[in-house]
Amino acid sequence: MSGIDFNNTTPIYRQITAAACSRILNREWPDGEKVPSVRELSTELTVNTRTVMKALEYLQNHGIIQPRRGMGFYTVENARELVLKLRKDEFFEDVVPNLASQLRDLGITPDELAKYLDKVMKSE
């Protein structure tokens, strides 16, 4: 998992959840498999175990991981799809309103944006 940026204004537990989601999307933490323990993640990221636990609880509350008594946390069978849905929801709630505001300020129409996005996505 990538390091934590302690200078970033994003809360540390949210940085951890974002990194965990990336690992799930990249299949580093496959569906139905055990995730590293709270202690392992805490040591790897050099953060407090309570912060790691808060991140894992966030993922658990969103149904992405589940605890198994005495065994730790495991990704659910459709974890990757759940992460994609969560990320899309966050994108539409957080990014799109800010983007729409900037588009209005700059006088960019939805058609202009669509054409540019189409061009950029084809070039990748």
N, C-alpha and C. Protein backbone atom coordinates (compact mmCIF):
# COMPACT_ATOMS: atom_id res chain seq x y z
N MET A 1 0.87 -1.17 0.00
CA MET A 1 0.00 0.00 0.00
C MET A 1 0.90 1.22 0.00
N SER A 2 0.49 2.18 -0.78
CA SER A 2 1.32 3.38 -0.85
C SER A 2 1.33 4.10 0.49
N GLY A 3 2.34 4.91 0.68
CA GLY A 3 2.49 5.62 1.94
C GLY A 3 1.41 6.65 2.17
N ILE A 4 1.29 7.05 3.39
CA ILE A 4 0.32 8.04 3.78
C ILE A 4 0.97 9.42 3.66
N ASP A 5 0.21 10.36 3.13
CA ASP A 5 0.70 11.73 3.00
C ASP A 5 0.18 12.52 4.20
N PHE A 6 1.03 12.70 5.19
CA PHE A 6 0.63 13.37 6.42
C PHE A 6 0.41 14.87 6.22
N ASN A 7 0.84 15.41 5.08
CA ASN A 7 0.62 16.83 4.78
C ASN A 7 -0.68 17.06 4.01
N ASN A 8 -1.30 15.98 3.58
CA ASN A 8 -2.55 16.05 2.82
C ASN A 8 -3.70 16.40 3.77
N THR A 9 -4.66 17.17 3.28
CA THR A 9 -5.80 17.54 4.13
C THR A 9 -6.84 16.42 4.23
N THR A 10 -6.73 15.41 3.37
CA THR A 10 -7.63 14.26 3.44
C THR A 10 -7.30 13.47 4.70
N PRO A 11 -8.33 13.14 5.50
CA PRO A 11 -8.06 12.38 6.73
C PRO A 11 -7.29 11.09 6.43
N ILE A 12 -6.42 10.73 7.35
CA ILE A 12 -5.56 9.56 7.15
C ILE A 12 -6.39 8.30 6.93
N TYR A 13 -7.47 8.12 7.69
CA TYR A 13 -8.25 6.89 7.51
C TYR A 13 -8.86 6.84 6.11
N ARG A 14 -9.18 8.00 5.52
CA ARG A 14 -9.73 8.01 4.16
C ARG A 14 -8.64 7.72 3.13
N GLN A 15 -7.40 8.15 3.42
CA GLN A 15 -6.28 7.79 2.55
C GLN A 15 -6.07 6.28 2.57
N ILE A 16 -6.23 5.68 3.74
CA ILE A 16 -6.08 4.23 3.88
C ILE A 16 -7.20 3.52 3.12
N THR A 17 -8.44 4.00 3.26
CA THR A 17 -9.54 3.35 2.54
C THR A 17 -9.34 3.47 1.03
N ALA A 18 -8.86 4.61 0.58
CA ALA A 18 -8.61 4.79 -0.86
C ALA A 18 -7.54 3.81 -1.34
N ALA A 19 -6.48 3.65 -0.57
CA ALA A 19 -5.41 2.72 -0.94
C ALA A 19 -5.92 1.28 -0.92
N ALA A 20 -6.75 0.95 0.07
CA ALA A 20 -7.32 -0.40 0.15
C ALA A 20 -8.22 -0.66 -1.05
N CYS A 21 -9.03 0.33 -1.40
CA CYS A 21 -9.90 0.20 -2.58
C CYS A 21 -9.08 -0.01 -3.84
N SER A 22 -7.98 0.69 -3.96
CA SER A 22 -7.09 0.52 -5.12
C SER A 22 -6.54 -0.90 -5.16
N ARG A 23 -6.18 -1.42 -4.01
CA ARG A 23 -5.68 -2.80 -3.96
C ARG A 23 -6.75 -3.79 -4.39
N ILE A 24 -7.98 -3.53 -4.00
CA ILE A 24 -9.09 -4.41 -4.40
C ILE A 24 -9.31 -4.30 -5.90
N LEU A 25 -9.34 -3.07 -6.42
CA LEU A 25 -9.54 -2.88 -7.86
C LEU A 25 -8.43 -3.52 -8.68
N ASN A 26 -7.19 -3.45 -8.18
CA ASN A 26 -6.04 -4.03 -8.88
C ASN A 26 -5.89 -5.52 -8.62
N ARG A 27 -6.83 -6.07 -7.85
CA ARG A 27 -6.86 -7.50 -7.51
C ARG A 27 -5.67 -7.94 -6.66
N GLU A 28 -5.04 -6.99 -5.97
CA GLU A 28 -4.01 -7.35 -5.00
C GLU A 28 -4.67 -7.97 -3.77
N TRP A 29 -5.90 -7.55 -3.50
CA TRP A 29 -6.74 -8.15 -2.46
C TRP A 29 -7.94 -8.75 -3.19
N PRO A 30 -7.81 -9.99 -3.66
CA PRO A 30 -8.88 -10.60 -4.45
C PRO A 30 -10.16 -10.81 -3.65
N ASP A 31 -11.27 -10.93 -4.38
CA ASP A 31 -12.55 -11.20 -3.75
C ASP A 31 -12.47 -12.48 -2.91
N GLY A 32 -13.02 -12.41 -1.70
CA GLY A 32 -13.09 -13.57 -0.82
C GLY A 32 -11.80 -13.92 -0.10
N GLU A 33 -10.78 -13.09 -0.22
CA GLU A 33 -9.48 -13.38 0.39
C GLU A 33 -9.24 -12.52 1.63
N LYS A 34 -8.34 -13.01 2.49
CA LYS A 34 -7.99 -12.30 3.72
C LYS A 34 -7.20 -11.04 3.38
N VAL A 35 -7.52 -9.97 4.09
CA VAL A 35 -6.75 -8.73 3.94
C VAL A 35 -5.70 -8.70 5.06
N PRO A 36 -4.65 -7.91 4.90
CA PRO A 36 -3.66 -7.83 5.97
C PRO A 36 -4.31 -7.40 7.28
N SER A 37 -3.71 -7.84 8.37
CA SER A 37 -4.26 -7.52 9.69
C SER A 37 -4.09 -6.04 10.01
N VAL A 38 -4.84 -5.60 11.01
CA VAL A 38 -4.75 -4.22 11.47
C VAL A 38 -3.31 -3.90 11.86
N ARG A 39 -2.68 -4.80 12.58
CA ARG A 39 -1.30 -4.58 13.02
C ARG A 39 -0.35 -4.51 11.82
N GLU A 40 -0.52 -5.41 10.85
CA GLU A 40 0.35 -5.39 9.67
C GLU A 40 0.21 -4.06 8.91
N LEU A 41 -1.03 -3.64 8.70
CA LEU A 41 -1.24 -2.38 7.99
C LEU A 41 -0.71 -1.20 8.78
N SER A 42 -0.92 -1.23 10.08
CA SER A 42 -0.44 -0.15 10.94
C SER A 42 1.08 -0.02 10.86
N THR A 43 1.75 -1.14 10.89
CA THR A 43 3.22 -1.14 10.80
C THR A 43 3.67 -0.68 9.42
N GLU A 44 3.03 -1.21 8.38
CA GLU A 44 3.40 -0.85 7.01
C GLU A 44 3.23 0.64 6.74
N LEU A 45 2.14 1.21 7.27
CA LEU A 45 1.82 2.60 6.99
C LEU A 45 2.32 3.57 8.04
N THR A 46 2.88 3.05 9.11
CA THR A 46 3.35 3.83 10.26
C THR A 46 2.26 4.76 10.79
N VAL A 47 1.10 4.17 11.04
CA VAL A 47 -0.01 4.90 11.63
C VAL A 47 -0.56 4.09 12.80
N ASN A 48 -1.34 4.75 13.61
CA ASN A 48 -1.95 4.14 14.78
C ASN A 48 -2.91 3.03 14.36
N THR A 49 -2.97 1.96 15.14
CA THR A 49 -3.88 0.86 14.84
C THR A 49 -5.34 1.31 14.85
N ARG A 50 -5.67 2.29 15.68
CA ARG A 50 -7.06 2.79 15.71
C ARG A 50 -7.43 3.45 14.38
N THR A 51 -6.48 4.11 13.77
CA THR A 51 -6.73 4.75 12.48
C THR A 51 -6.98 3.69 11.41
N VAL A 52 -6.18 2.64 11.42
CA VAL A 52 -6.37 1.54 10.47
C VAL A 52 -7.73 0.89 10.72
N MET A 53 -8.06 0.68 11.98
CA MET A 53 -9.34 0.06 12.31
C MET A 53 -10.50 0.92 11.82
N LYS A 54 -10.38 2.24 11.93
CA LYS A 54 -11.43 3.14 11.44
C LYS A 54 -11.60 2.98 9.94
N ALA A 55 -10.49 2.84 9.22
CA ALA A 55 -10.55 2.64 7.77
C ALA A 55 -11.23 1.31 7.43
N LEU A 56 -10.86 0.26 8.15
CA LEU A 56 -11.45 -1.05 7.90
C LEU A 56 -12.94 -1.06 8.26
N GLU A 57 -13.31 -0.35 9.31
CA GLU A 57 -14.72 -0.24 9.67
C GLU A 57 -15.50 0.49 8.58
N TYR A 58 -14.90 1.49 7.98
CA TYR A 58 -15.53 2.20 6.86
C TYR A 58 -15.81 1.21 5.72
N LEU A 59 -14.81 0.40 5.38
CA LEU A 59 -14.98 -0.58 4.31
C LEU A 59 -16.03 -1.63 4.70
N GLN A 60 -16.03 -2.01 5.97
CA GLN A 60 -17.02 -2.98 6.45
C GLN A 60 -18.42 -2.38 6.37
N ASN A 61 -18.57 -1.13 6.78
CA ASN A 61 -19.88 -0.47 6.73
C ASN A 61 -20.41 -0.34 5.31
N HIS A 62 -19.51 -0.33 4.33
CA HIS A 62 -19.92 -0.28 2.93
C HIS A 62 -20.02 -1.67 2.31
N GLY A 63 -19.88 -2.70 3.13
CA GLY A 63 -20.07 -4.07 2.67
C GLY A 63 -18.95 -4.62 1.83
N ILE A 64 -17.78 -3.99 1.85
CA ILE A 64 -16.66 -4.39 1.00
C ILE A 64 -15.80 -5.47 1.65
N ILE A 65 -15.67 -5.39 2.96
CA ILE A 65 -14.97 -6.43 3.71
C ILE A 65 -15.88 -6.90 4.83
N GLN A 66 -15.56 -8.06 5.36
CA GLN A 66 -16.32 -8.57 6.50
C GLN A 66 -15.38 -9.27 7.46
N PRO A 67 -15.67 -9.17 8.75
CA PRO A 67 -14.82 -9.86 9.72
C PRO A 67 -15.20 -11.33 9.82
N ARG A 68 -14.22 -12.13 10.11
CA ARG A 68 -14.46 -13.54 10.44
C ARG A 68 -13.87 -13.73 11.82
N ARG A 69 -14.72 -14.13 12.71
CA ARG A 69 -14.34 -14.24 14.13
C ARG A 69 -13.02 -14.97 14.31
N GLY A 70 -12.09 -14.27 14.94
CA GLY A 70 -10.78 -14.84 15.24
C GLY A 70 -9.85 -14.97 14.05
N MET A 71 -10.29 -14.53 12.88
CA MET A 71 -9.48 -14.72 11.67
C MET A 71 -9.13 -13.42 10.97
N GLY A 72 -9.77 -12.33 11.33
CA GLY A 72 -9.48 -11.06 10.68
C GLY A 72 -10.53 -10.68 9.67
N PHE A 73 -10.16 -9.78 8.77
CA PHE A 73 -11.08 -9.29 7.75
C PHE A 73 -10.81 -9.97 6.41
N TYR A 74 -11.90 -10.16 5.67
CA TYR A 74 -11.84 -10.76 4.34
C TYR A 74 -12.64 -9.89 3.38
N THR A 75 -12.19 -9.82 2.14
CA THR A 75 -12.99 -9.14 1.13
C THR A 75 -14.21 -10.01 0.84
N VAL A 76 -15.33 -9.37 0.52
CA VAL A 76 -16.52 -10.13 0.16
C VAL A 76 -16.37 -10.62 -1.27
N GLU A 77 -17.25 -11.53 -1.69
CA GLU A 77 -17.12 -12.14 -3.01
C GLU A 77 -17.25 -11.14 -4.16
N ASN A 78 -17.99 -10.07 -3.98
CA ASN A 78 -18.15 -9.07 -5.05
C ASN A 78 -17.51 -7.74 -4.65
N ALA A 79 -16.41 -7.82 -3.92
CA ALA A 79 -15.76 -6.61 -3.39
C ALA A 79 -15.37 -5.63 -4.50
N ARG A 80 -14.85 -6.14 -5.58
CA ARG A 80 -14.40 -5.27 -6.67
C ARG A 80 -15.56 -4.45 -7.23
N GLU A 81 -16.69 -5.09 -7.45
CA GLU A 81 -17.87 -4.38 -7.96
C GLU A 81 -18.37 -3.35 -6.96
N LEU A 82 -18.33 -3.69 -5.67
CA LEU A 82 -18.76 -2.76 -4.63
C LEU A 82 -17.84 -1.54 -4.56
N VAL A 83 -16.54 -1.77 -4.73
CA VAL A 83 -15.59 -0.65 -4.74
C VAL A 83 -15.84 0.24 -5.95
N LEU A 84 -16.09 -0.36 -7.10
CA LEU A 84 -16.39 0.44 -8.29
C LEU A 84 -17.62 1.30 -8.06
N LYS A 85 -18.66 0.73 -7.46
CA LYS A 85 -19.88 1.49 -7.19
C LYS A 85 -19.59 2.61 -6.20
N LEU A 86 -18.85 2.31 -5.12
CA LEU A 86 -18.51 3.32 -4.13
C LEU A 86 -17.71 4.45 -4.77
N ARG A 87 -16.71 4.11 -5.57
CA ARG A 87 -15.89 5.12 -6.22
C ARG A 87 -16.72 5.98 -7.18
N LYS A 88 -17.63 5.34 -7.93
CA LYS A 88 -18.49 6.11 -8.84
C LYS A 88 -19.40 7.04 -8.06
N ASP A 89 -19.98 6.53 -6.98
CA ASP A 89 -20.86 7.37 -6.15
C ASP A 89 -20.09 8.58 -5.61
N GLU A 90 -18.87 8.34 -5.11
CA GLU A 90 -18.05 9.42 -4.58
C GLU A 90 -17.69 10.41 -5.69
N PHE A 91 -17.42 9.90 -6.89
CA PHE A 91 -17.10 10.76 -8.02
C PHE A 91 -18.26 11.69 -8.33
N PHE A 92 -19.46 11.13 -8.41
CA PHE A 92 -20.63 11.94 -8.74
C PHE A 92 -21.01 12.90 -7.61
N GLU A 93 -20.72 12.53 -6.37
CA GLU A 93 -21.05 13.41 -5.24
C GLU A 93 -19.99 14.48 -5.00
N ASP A 94 -18.72 14.15 -5.22
CA ASP A 94 -17.63 15.06 -4.88
C ASP A 94 -17.04 15.79 -6.08
N VAL A 95 -16.74 15.07 -7.14
CA VAL A 95 -16.02 15.64 -8.27
C VAL A 95 -16.94 16.39 -9.23
N VAL A 96 -18.05 15.77 -9.59
CA VAL A 96 -18.92 16.36 -10.61
C VAL A 96 -19.46 17.73 -10.22
N PRO A 97 -19.94 17.93 -8.99
CA PRO A 97 -20.42 19.29 -8.65
C PRO A 97 -19.33 20.36 -8.79
N ASN A 98 -18.10 20.04 -8.38
CA ASN A 98 -17.00 20.99 -8.54
C ASN A 98 -16.68 21.22 -10.01
N LEU A 99 -16.69 20.14 -10.78
CA LEU A 99 -16.44 20.25 -12.21
C LEU A 99 -17.52 21.11 -12.88
N ALA A 100 -18.78 20.86 -12.53
CA ALA A 100 -19.88 21.62 -13.12
C ALA A 100 -19.73 23.11 -12.81
N SER A 101 -19.31 23.43 -11.60
CA SER A 101 -19.10 24.81 -11.22
C SER A 101 -18.01 25.45 -12.08
N GLN A 102 -16.92 24.74 -12.27
CA GLN A 102 -15.82 25.25 -13.08
C GLN A 102 -16.25 25.40 -14.54
N LEU A 103 -17.02 24.45 -15.04
CA LEU A 103 -17.49 24.52 -16.43
C LEU A 103 -18.37 25.75 -16.63
N ARG A 104 -19.26 26.00 -15.66
CA ARG A 104 -20.12 27.20 -15.74
C ARG A 104 -19.27 28.47 -15.73
N ASP A 105 -18.31 28.51 -14.81
CA ASP A 105 -17.45 29.70 -14.70
C ASP A 105 -16.67 29.96 -15.99
N LEU A 106 -16.27 28.90 -16.67
CA LEU A 106 -15.46 29.03 -17.88
C LEU A 106 -16.30 29.09 -19.15
N GLY A 107 -17.61 28.88 -19.01
CA GLY A 107 -18.48 28.92 -20.18
C GLY A 107 -18.32 27.72 -21.09
N ILE A 108 -17.91 26.60 -20.53
CA ILE A 108 -17.75 25.37 -21.32
C ILE A 108 -19.08 24.63 -21.32
N THR A 109 -19.55 24.30 -22.51
CA THR A 109 -20.83 23.59 -22.63
C THR A 109 -20.63 22.09 -22.45
N PRO A 110 -21.71 21.39 -22.10
CA PRO A 110 -21.61 19.92 -22.00
C PRO A 110 -21.15 19.28 -23.31
N ASP A 111 -21.57 19.84 -24.45
CA ASP A 111 -21.13 19.29 -25.75
C ASP A 111 -19.62 19.46 -25.94
N GLU A 112 -19.09 20.63 -25.56
CA GLU A 112 -17.64 20.86 -25.67
C GLU A 112 -16.89 19.88 -24.77
N LEU A 113 -17.37 19.71 -23.56
CA LEU A 113 -16.73 18.78 -22.63
C LEU A 113 -16.77 17.36 -23.17
N ALA A 114 -17.93 16.94 -23.69
CA ALA A 114 -18.07 15.59 -24.23
C ALA A 114 -17.11 15.34 -25.38
N LYS A 115 -16.97 16.32 -26.27
CA LYS A 115 -16.05 16.17 -27.40
C LYS A 115 -14.61 16.03 -26.91
N TYR A 116 -14.24 16.86 -25.94
CA TYR A 116 -12.87 16.81 -25.43
C TYR A 116 -12.61 15.48 -24.70
N LEU A 117 -13.55 15.06 -23.87
CA LEU A 117 -13.40 13.79 -23.16
C LEU A 117 -13.28 12.63 -24.14
N ASP A 118 -14.10 12.64 -25.19
CA ASP A 118 -14.03 11.59 -26.19
C ASP A 118 -12.65 11.55 -26.82
N LYS A 119 -12.12 12.72 -27.15
CA LYS A 119 -10.78 12.81 -27.76
C LYS A 119 -9.71 12.30 -26.81
N VAL A 120 -9.78 12.70 -25.55
CA VAL A 120 -8.78 12.28 -24.56
C VAL A 120 -8.85 10.79 -24.31
N MET A 121 -10.05 10.26 -24.19
CA MET A 121 -10.20 8.84 -23.88
C MET A 121 -9.77 7.96 -25.06
N LYS A 122 -9.91 8.44 -26.28
CA LYS A 122 -9.47 7.68 -27.45
C LYS A 122 -7.95 7.67 -27.57
N SER A 123 -7.30 8.70 -27.04
CA SER A 123 -5.84 8.79 -27.17
C SER A 123 -5.11 7.96 -26.13
N GLU A 124 -5.82 7.44 -25.14
CA GLU A 124 -5.15 6.64 -24.09
C GLU A 124 -4.88 5.25 -24.52
